[in-house]
Amino acid sequence: MSLLSQHRKTAVGAAALTVLALSCGSAAASSPAAAAGKVLWTPSTAKGPSSFTGVQCAAGNFGVVKDAAKGSVWRAFQAAGEERCETLGPDLKERDTFYLGWSSKVDIKDANSRYVFQLKCSPSTGTANHPIEIDATTGRIRLQEWDTEHVAHQLWTAPTTNDQWHSYALKIRLGRTDGTIDFWFDGVKQTFTTGSGTFKGTTWDGTRNYLKWGSYHPSSGDATNTFTSPVMATTLEAATAGS
């Protein structure tokens, strides 16, 4: 083979390798895994309740159960007269932005509402207390924002029934008066009572903010909140992948 032919063969081979490398690099950059984002926190049903930051519940009333539709899930049972059965997620940092995703079904045995999700702040007095909360009662689910004066602003509501699964996702930017909320219900982006898909207001207050799931508000009847492992992530896709 002539030197010229050998040179041409080498050049063609190098070009092909370059194209292959570029193609692989492009595919990796645009792959679902690359686009899905990063999971920041999620509890594990395999590890049990200890994978939450804390549990505020009567002994034996919170744990893992098997659900026909969702597999291994969490069950928070708030017996009549008890104040709460809630689990705690990680502490938050003001100005952070993150996504949360999970699915839940409730079974409430009276006509009173229960908080099934809270972004909670401490101290509870003199602050918004729970700047963002989702509460449920028989026939209704609702999302509210509480401002620095502890005044509630209803942002969204929808009908529901006991033992009906729904999926929830939130995009939250933490700020005392300039925080933001975006909300997806059953996979659909929701419009708030303000007419906008993004609400600006209080999403942070006090000296410590953290997340809670379960059932809160003492009442005369039992209440159960069954939910998938919540996921905190950098993208909506990562936060909702398991719900």
C-alpha atoms as a PDB file:
ATOM      1  CA  MET A   1       0.000   0.000   0.000  1.00  0.00           C
ATOM      2  CA  SER A   2       1.344   3.446  -0.874  1.00  0.00           C
ATOM      3  CA  LEU A   3       2.053   6.022   1.797  1.00  0.00           C
ATOM      4  CA  LEU A   4      -0.684   8.207   0.284  1.00  0.00           C
ATOM      5  CA  SER A   5      -3.239   5.394   0.512  1.00  0.00           C
ATOM      6  CA  GLN A   6      -2.175   4.630   4.077  1.00  0.00           C
ATOM      7  CA  HIS A   7      -2.530   8.324   4.979  1.00  0.00           C
ATOM      8  CA  ARG A   8      -6.023   8.486   3.467  1.00  0.00           C
ATOM      9  CA  LYS A   9      -7.102   5.344   5.348  1.00  0.00           C
ATOM     10  CA  THR A  10      -5.778   6.744   8.610  1.00  0.00           C
ATOM     11  CA  ALA A  11      -7.520  10.079   8.041  1.00  0.00           C
ATOM     12  CA  VAL A  12     -10.851   8.408   7.254  1.00  0.00           C
ATOM     13  CA  GLY A  13     -10.551   6.236  10.365  1.00  0.00           C
ATOM     14  CA  ALA A  14      -9.778   9.231  12.560  1.00  0.00           C
ATOM     15  CA  ALA A  15     -12.724  11.163  11.139  1.00  0.00           C
ATOM     16  CA  ALA A  16     -15.050   8.236  11.797  1.00  0.00           C
ATOM     17  CA  LEU A  17     -13.857   8.002  15.394  1.00  0.00           C
ATOM     18  CA  THR A  18     -14.388  11.740  15.818  1.00  0.00           C
ATOM     19  CA  VAL A  19     -17.956  11.500  14.507  1.00  0.00           C
ATOM     20  CA  LEU A  20     -18.643   8.520  16.779  1.00  0.00           C
ATOM     21  CA  ALA A  21     -17.255  10.364  19.799  1.00  0.00           C
ATOM     22  CA  LEU A  22     -19.344  13.447  19.038  1.00  0.00           C
ATOM     23  CA  SER A  23     -22.439  11.314  18.514  1.00  0.00           C
ATOM     24  CA  CYS A  24     -21.929   9.484  21.814  1.00  0.00           C
ATOM     25  CA  GLY A  25     -21.259  12.739  23.635  1.00  0.00           C
ATOM     26  CA  SER A  26     -24.372  14.338  22.173  1.00  0.00           C
ATOM     27  CA  ALA A  27     -26.485  11.306  23.040  1.00  0.00           C
ATOM     28  CA  ALA A  28     -25.211  11.300  26.625  1.00  0.00           C
ATOM     29  CA  ALA A  29     -25.916  15.006  27.043  1.00  0.00           C
ATOM     30  CA  SER A  30     -29.468  14.665  25.769  1.00  0.00           C
ATOM     31  CA  SER A  31     -30.231  11.317  27.419  1.00  0.00           C
ATOM     32  CA  PRO A  32     -33.207  11.054  29.792  1.00  0.00           C
ATOM     33  CA  ALA A  33     -30.852  10.448  32.722  1.00  0.00           C
ATOM     34  CA  ALA A  34     -28.921  13.632  31.994  1.00  0.00           C
ATOM     35  CA  ALA A  35     -32.077  15.691  31.579  1.00  0.00           C
ATOM     36  CA  ALA A  36     -33.897  14.245  34.590  1.00  0.00           C
ATOM     37  CA  GLY A  37     -31.930  16.163  37.200  1.00  0.00           C
ATOM     38  CA  LYS A  38     -30.685  15.194  40.646  1.00  0.00           C
ATOM     39  CA  VAL A  39     -32.562  13.737  43.598  1.00  0.00           C
ATOM     40  CA  LEU A  40     -31.705  15.786  46.689  1.00  0.00           C
ATOM     41  CA  TRP A  41     -33.592  13.736  49.283  1.00  0.00           C
ATOM     42  CA  THR A  42     -36.096  10.885  49.511  1.00  0.00           C
ATOM     43  CA  PRO A  43     -36.954   8.405  52.294  1.00  0.00           C
ATOM     44  CA  SER A  44     -36.700   4.657  51.706  1.00  0.00           C
ATOM     45  CA  THR A  45     -39.520   2.212  52.439  1.00  0.00           C
ATOM     46  CA  ALA A  46     -36.853  -0.504  52.566  1.00  0.00           C
ATOM     47  CA  LYS A  47     -35.096   1.265  55.445  1.00  0.00           C
ATOM     48  CA  GLY A  48     -38.323   2.243  57.186  1.00  0.00           C
ATOM     49  CA  PRO A  49     -39.294   5.312  59.268  1.00  0.00           C
ATOM     50  CA  SER A  50     -35.685   6.007  60.280  1.00  0.00           C
ATOM     51  CA  SER A  51     -35.087   7.304  56.742  1.00  0.00           C
ATOM     52  CA  PHE A  52     -37.165  10.366  57.655  1.00  0.00           C
ATOM     53  CA  THR A  53     -35.576  13.117  59.722  1.00  0.00           C
ATOM     54  CA  GLY A  54     -38.164  12.474  62.426  1.00  0.00           C
ATOM     55  CA  VAL A  55     -41.577  10.958  63.160  1.00  0.00           C
ATOM     56  CA  GLN A  56     -44.256  12.637  65.303  1.00  0.00           C
ATOM     57  CA  CYS A  57     -46.801   9.891  65.743  1.00  0.00           C
ATOM     58  CA  ALA A  58     -48.191   7.518  68.359  1.00  0.00           C
ATOM     59  CA  ALA A  59     -46.200   4.297  68.584  1.00  0.00           C
ATOM     60  CA  GLY A  60     -47.172   1.814  65.888  1.00  0.00           C
ATOM     61  CA  ASN A  61     -49.254   4.294  63.871  1.00  0.00           C
ATOM     62  CA  PHE A  62     -46.687   5.104  61.182  1.00  0.00           C
ATOM     63  CA  GLY A  63     -44.915   2.670  58.908  1.00  0.00           C
ATOM     64  CA  VAL A  64     -44.721   0.871  55.578  1.00  0.00           C
ATOM     65  CA  VAL A  65     -47.686  -0.988  54.047  1.00  0.00           C
ATOM     66  CA  LYS A  66     -48.335  -2.666  50.703  1.00  0.00           C
ATOM     67  CA  ASP A  67     -50.770  -0.981  48.325  1.00  0.00           C
ATOM     68  CA  ALA A  68     -52.283  -2.731  45.316  1.00  0.00           C
ATOM     69  CA  ALA A  69     -51.714   0.291  43.068  1.00  0.00           C
ATOM     70  CA  LYS A  70     -48.439   1.731  44.389  1.00  0.00           C
ATOM     71  CA  GLY A  71     -46.543  -1.117  46.054  1.00  0.00           C
ATOM     72  CA  SER A  72     -44.630  -0.259  49.252  1.00  0.00           C
ATOM     73  CA  VAL A  73     -45.925   3.040  50.633  1.00  0.00           C
ATOM     74  CA  TRP A  74     -46.133   4.964  53.906  1.00  0.00           C
ATOM     75  CA  ARG A  75     -49.199   4.942  56.155  1.00  0.00           C
ATOM     76  CA  ALA A  76     -49.784   7.680  58.732  1.00  0.00           C
ATOM     77  CA  PHE A  77     -52.729   6.851  61.007  1.00  0.00           C
ATOM     78  CA  GLN A  78     -54.029   9.666  63.228  1.00  0.00           C
ATOM     79  CA  ALA A  79     -56.457   8.172  65.732  1.00  0.00           C
ATOM     80  CA  ALA A  80     -59.438  10.190  66.970  1.00  0.00           C
ATOM     81  CA  GLY A  81     -58.373  12.749  69.563  1.00  0.00           C
ATOM     82  CA  GLU A  82     -54.671  12.632  68.690  1.00  0.00           C
ATOM     83  CA  GLU A  83     -52.999  15.840  67.568  1.00  0.00           C
ATOM     84  CA  ARG A  84     -50.993  14.488  64.662  1.00  0.00           C
ATOM     85  CA  CYS A  85     -49.254  11.646  62.888  1.00  0.00           C
ATOM     86  CA  GLU A  86     -46.571  13.325  60.783  1.00  0.00           C
ATOM     87  CA  THR A  87     -43.100  12.686  59.429  1.00  0.00           C
ATOM     88  CA  LEU A  88     -40.343  15.243  58.959  1.00  0.00           C
ATOM     89  CA  GLY A  89     -38.208  15.868  55.913  1.00  0.00           C
ATOM     90  CA  PRO A  90     -34.927  17.780  55.727  1.00  0.00           C
ATOM     91  CA  ASP A  91     -34.287  21.313  56.926  1.00  0.00           C
ATOM     92  CA  LEU A  92     -34.383  23.936  54.183  1.00  0.00           C
ATOM     93  CA  LYS A  93     -32.248  26.933  53.299  1.00  0.00           C
ATOM     94  CA  GLU A  94     -33.694  30.341  52.466  1.00  0.00           C
ATOM     95  CA  ARG A  95     -33.416  31.276  48.761  1.00  0.00           C
ATOM     96  CA  ASP A  96     -33.155  27.658  47.657  1.00  0.00           C
ATOM     97  CA  THR A  97     -35.333  26.408  44.785  1.00  0.00           C
ATOM     98  CA  PHE A  98     -36.416  22.770  44.520  1.00  0.00           C
ATOM     99  CA  TYR A  99     -39.172  20.435  43.297  1.00  0.00           C
ATOM    100  CA  LEU A 100     -41.222  18.022  45.414  1.00  0.00           C
ATOM    101  CA  GLY A 101     -43.273  15.091  44.122  1.00  0.00           C
ATOM    102  CA  TRP A 102     -45.406  12.364  45.734  1.00  0.00           C
ATOM    103  CA  SER A 103     -48.802  10.628  45.547  1.00  0.00           C
ATOM    104  CA  SER A 104     -51.322  10.341  48.355  1.00  0.00           C
ATOM    105  CA  LYS A 105     -54.741   9.034  49.299  1.00  0.00           C
ATOM    106  CA  VAL A 106     -56.610   9.980  52.461  1.00  0.00           C
ATOM    107  CA  ASP A 107     -59.368   8.409  54.510  1.00  0.00           C
ATOM    108  CA  ILE A 108     -61.002  10.898  56.885  1.00  0.00           C
ATOM    109  CA  LYS A 109     -63.783   9.670  59.158  1.00  0.00           C
ATOM    110  CA  ASP A 110     -65.310  13.047  60.086  1.00  0.00           C
ATOM    111  CA  ALA A 111     -66.099  16.379  58.430  1.00  0.00           C
ATOM    112  CA  ASN A 112     -62.980  18.214  59.636  1.00  0.00           C
ATOM    113  CA  SER A 113     -59.869  19.011  57.615  1.00  0.00           C
ATOM    114  CA  ARG A 114     -56.379  17.587  58.113  1.00  0.00           C
ATOM    115  CA  TYR A 115     -53.080  18.984  56.951  1.00  0.00           C
ATOM    116  CA  VAL A 116     -51.550  16.287  54.739  1.00  0.00           C
ATOM    117  CA  PHE A 117     -48.475  18.348  53.760  1.00  0.00           C
ATOM    118  CA  GLN A 118     -46.748  21.279  55.431  1.00  0.00           C
ATOM    119  CA  LEU A 119     -43.762  23.433  54.758  1.00  0.00           C
ATOM    120  CA  LYS A 120     -43.309  24.242  58.441  1.00  0.00           C
ATOM    121  CA  CYS A 121     -41.354  27.028  60.106  1.00  0.00           C
ATOM    122  CA  SER A 122     -40.107  27.572  63.644  1.00  0.00           C
ATOM    123  CA  PRO A 123     -40.949  29.233  65.887  1.00  0.00           C
ATOM    124  CA  SER A 124     -44.648  28.605  65.302  1.00  0.00           C
ATOM    125  CA  THR A 125     -45.770  31.837  66.992  1.00  0.00           C
ATOM    126  CA  GLY A 126     -45.123  35.239  65.469  1.00  0.00           C
ATOM    127  CA  THR A 127     -44.441  33.706  62.052  1.00  0.00           C
ATOM    128  CA  ALA A 128     -46.338  32.307  59.084  1.00  0.00           C
ATOM    129  CA  ASN A 129     -46.150  28.987  61.029  1.00  0.00           C
ATOM    130  CA  HIS A 130     -46.762  26.861  57.917  1.00  0.00           C
ATOM    131  CA  PRO A 131     -46.127  29.061  54.853  1.00  0.00           C
ATOM    132  CA  ILE A 132     -47.357  26.344  52.466  1.00  0.00           C
ATOM    133  CA  GLU A 133     -49.830  23.604  53.327  1.00  0.00           C
ATOM    134  CA  ILE A 134     -52.143  21.145  51.617  1.00  0.00           C
ATOM    135  CA  ASP A 135     -55.198  20.136  53.609  1.00  0.00           C
ATOM    136  CA  ALA A 136     -57.981  17.662  52.927  1.00  0.00           C
ATOM    137  CA  THR A 137     -61.459  16.962  54.187  1.00  0.00           C
ATOM    138  CA  THR A 138     -64.241  14.722  52.948  1.00  0.00           C
ATOM    139  CA  GLY A 139     -64.828  15.747  49.324  1.00  0.00           C
ATOM    140  CA  ARG A 140     -62.175  18.473  49.038  1.00  0.00           C
ATOM    141  CA  ILE A 141     -58.409  19.010  48.743  1.00  0.00           C
ATOM    142  CA  ARG A 142     -56.863  22.499  49.050  1.00  0.00           C
ATOM    143  CA  LEU A 143     -53.534  24.318  48.725  1.00  0.00           C
ATOM    144  CA  GLN A 144     -52.966  27.424  50.840  1.00  0.00           C
ATOM    145  CA  GLU A 145     -50.197  29.946  51.467  1.00  0.00           C
ATOM    146  CA  TRP A 146     -49.904  31.636  54.876  1.00  0.00           C
ATOM    147  CA  ASP A 147     -48.233  35.047  55.007  1.00  0.00           C
ATOM    148  CA  THR A 148     -45.971  36.546  57.692  1.00  0.00           C
ATOM    149  CA  GLU A 149     -49.063  37.682  59.638  1.00  0.00           C
ATOM    150  CA  HIS A 150     -50.366  34.087  59.666  1.00  0.00           C
ATOM    151  CA  VAL A 151     -53.210  34.956  57.291  1.00  0.00           C
ATOM    152  CA  ALA A 152     -54.264  32.183  54.891  1.00  0.00           C
ATOM    153  CA  HIS A 153     -54.557  32.695  51.140  1.00  0.00           C
ATOM    154  CA  GLN A 154     -56.398  29.903  49.353  1.00  0.00           C
ATOM    155  CA  LEU A 155     -54.571  29.277  46.079  1.00  0.00           C
ATOM    156  CA  TRP A 156     -56.308  26.204  44.723  1.00  0.00           C
ATOM    157  CA  THR A 157     -58.947  23.581  45.513  1.00  0.00           C
ATOM    158  CA  ALA A 158     -60.372  20.462  43.853  1.00  0.00           C
ATOM    159  CA  PRO A 159     -62.889  17.731  44.650  1.00  0.00           C
ATOM    160  CA  THR A 160     -61.728  14.357  45.931  1.00  0.00           C
ATOM    161  CA  THR A 161     -63.052  11.317  47.746  1.00  0.00           C
ATOM    162  CA  ASN A 162     -61.697   9.043  50.448  1.00  0.00           C
ATOM    163  CA  ASP A 163     -59.235   6.396  49.243  1.00  0.00           C
ATOM    164  CA  GLN A 164     -58.640   8.108  45.893  1.00  0.00           C
ATOM    165  CA  TRP A 165     -55.009   8.386  44.757  1.00  0.00           C
ATOM    166  CA  HIS A 166     -53.762  11.779  43.526  1.00  0.00           C
ATOM    167  CA  SER A 167     -50.295  12.945  42.559  1.00  0.00           C
ATOM    168  CA  TYR A 168     -48.810  16.236  43.755  1.00  0.00           C
ATOM    169  CA  ALA A 169     -45.794  18.238  42.637  1.00  0.00           C
ATOM    170  CA  LEU A 170     -44.537  21.609  43.806  1.00  0.00           C
ATOM    171  CA  LYS A 171     -41.794  23.917  42.624  1.00  0.00           C
ATOM    172  CA  ILE A 172     -40.835  26.085  45.576  1.00  0.00           C
ATOM    173  CA  ARG A 173     -38.483  29.038  45.811  1.00  0.00           C
ATOM    174  CA  LEU A 174     -37.929  29.946  49.458  1.00  0.00           C
ATOM    175  CA  GLY A 175     -38.350  33.589  50.429  1.00  0.00           C
ATOM    176  CA  ARG A 176     -40.021  35.477  53.278  1.00  0.00           C
ATOM    177  CA  THR A 177     -42.117  37.759  51.069  1.00  0.00           C
ATOM    178  CA  ASP A 178     -40.809  37.055  47.557  1.00  0.00           C
ATOM    179  CA  GLY A 179     -40.917  33.271  47.452  1.00  0.00           C
ATOM    180  CA  THR A 180     -42.760  31.457  44.665  1.00  0.00           C
ATOM    181  CA  ILE A 181     -44.948  28.371  44.258  1.00  0.00           C
ATOM    182  CA  ASP A 182     -45.856  26.348  41.143  1.00  0.00           C
ATOM    183  CA  PHE A 183     -48.175  23.359  41.508  1.00  0.00           C
ATOM    184  CA  TRP A 184     -49.071  20.230  39.505  1.00  0.00           C
ATOM    185  CA  PHE A 185     -52.062  18.025  40.391  1.00  0.00           C
ATOM    186  CA  ASP A 186     -52.402  14.596  38.781  1.00  0.00           C
ATOM    187  CA  GLY A 187     -49.661  15.595  36.361  1.00  0.00           C
ATOM    188  CA  VAL A 188     -51.336  18.814  35.185  1.00  0.00           C
ATOM    189  CA  LYS A 189     -49.963  22.312  35.888  1.00  0.00           C
ATOM    190  CA  GLN A 190     -52.557  24.233  37.899  1.00  0.00           C
ATOM    191  CA  THR A 191     -53.698  27.864  37.722  1.00  0.00           C
ATOM    192  CA  PHE A 192     -54.143  29.561  41.088  1.00  0.00           C
ATOM    193  CA  THR A 193     -57.055  31.684  42.284  1.00  0.00           C
ATOM    194  CA  THR A 194     -54.876  34.690  41.369  1.00  0.00           C
ATOM    195  CA  GLY A 195     -55.188  33.725  37.699  1.00  0.00           C
ATOM    196  CA  SER A 196     -51.479  32.895  37.462  1.00  0.00           C
ATOM    197  CA  GLY A 197     -49.602  29.611  37.355  1.00  0.00           C
ATOM    198  CA  THR A 198     -46.954  31.004  39.717  1.00  0.00           C
ATOM    199  CA  PHE A 199     -47.749  32.528  43.103  1.00  0.00           C
ATOM    200  CA  LYS A 200     -45.392  35.031  44.741  1.00  0.00           C
ATOM    201  CA  GLY A 201     -45.529  35.450  48.504  1.00  0.00           C
ATOM    202  CA  THR A 202     -44.352  33.884  51.750  1.00  0.00           C
ATOM    203  CA  THR A 203     -42.650  30.511  51.460  1.00  0.00           C
ATOM    204  CA  TRP A 204     -40.182  30.972  54.327  1.00  0.00           C
ATOM    205  CA  ASP A 205     -40.319  32.474  57.821  1.00  0.00           C
ATOM    206  CA  GLY A 206     -38.726  32.167  61.239  1.00  0.00           C
ATOM    207  CA  THR A 207     -35.328  30.628  61.870  1.00  0.00           C
ATOM    208  CA  ARG A 208     -35.852  27.041  60.720  1.00  0.00           C
ATOM    209  CA  ASN A 209     -37.981  25.651  57.885  1.00  0.00           C
ATOM    210  CA  TYR A 210     -38.599  21.979  57.062  1.00  0.00           C
ATOM    211  CA  LEU A 211     -41.103  19.622  55.387  1.00  0.00           C
ATOM    212  CA  LYS A 212     -43.869  17.429  56.873  1.00  0.00           C
ATOM    213  CA  TRP A 213     -46.182  14.745  55.507  1.00  0.00           C
ATOM    214  CA  GLY A 214     -48.963  12.871  57.305  1.00  0.00           C
ATOM    215  CA  SER A 215     -52.104  13.997  59.109  1.00  0.00           C
ATOM    216  CA  TYR A 216     -52.448  16.976  61.456  1.00  0.00           C
ATOM    217  CA  HIS A 217     -55.328  18.616  63.397  1.00  0.00           C
ATOM    218  CA  PRO A 218     -56.933  16.879  66.379  1.00  0.00           C
ATOM    219  CA  SER A 219     -60.506  15.829  65.694  1.00  0.00           C
ATOM    220  CA  SER A 220     -63.247  13.429  66.710  1.00  0.00           C
ATOM    221  CA  GLY A 221     -62.638  10.877  63.964  1.00  0.00           C
ATOM    222  CA  ASP A 222     -59.743   8.807  62.687  1.00  0.00           C
ATOM    223  CA  ALA A 223     -57.743   9.964  59.666  1.00  0.00           C
ATOM    224  CA  THR A 224     -55.271   8.068  57.493  1.00  0.00           C
ATOM    225  CA  ASN A 225     -52.860   9.465  54.927  1.00  0.00           C
ATOM    226  CA  THR A 226     -51.218   6.843  52.723  1.00  0.00           C
ATOM    227  CA  PHE A 227     -48.463   8.234  50.493  1.00  0.00           C
ATOM    228  CA  THR A 228     -45.540   7.310  48.272  1.00  0.00           C
ATOM    229  CA  SER A 229     -42.018   8.307  49.239  1.00  0.00           C
ATOM    230  CA  PRO A 230     -41.708  12.060  48.673  1.00  0.00           C
ATOM    231  CA  VAL A 231     -38.870  13.120  46.383  1.00  0.00           C
ATOM    232  CA  MET A 232     -37.015  16.433  46.565  1.00  0.00           C
ATOM    233  CA  ALA A 233     -35.098  17.091  43.351  1.00  0.00           C
ATOM    234  CA  THR A 234     -33.613  19.694  41.040  1.00  0.00           C
ATOM    235  CA  THR A 235     -36.160  19.069  38.266  1.00  0.00           C
ATOM    236  CA  LEU A 236     -39.831  18.226  37.962  1.00  0.00           C
ATOM    237  CA  GLU A 237     -38.974  15.011  36.072  1.00  0.00           C
ATOM    238  CA  ALA A 238     -36.756  13.710  38.870  1.00  0.00           C
ATOM    239  CA  ALA A 239     -39.228  14.683  41.593  1.00  0.00           C
ATOM    240  CA  THR A 240     -42.197  12.937  39.952  1.00  0.00           C
ATOM    241  CA  ALA A 241     -40.517   9.867  38.468  1.00  0.00           C
ATOM    242  CA  GLY A 242     -41.682   7.577  41.291  1.00  0.00           C
ATOM    243  CA  SER A 243     -45.088   9.030  42.089  1.00  0.00           C
END
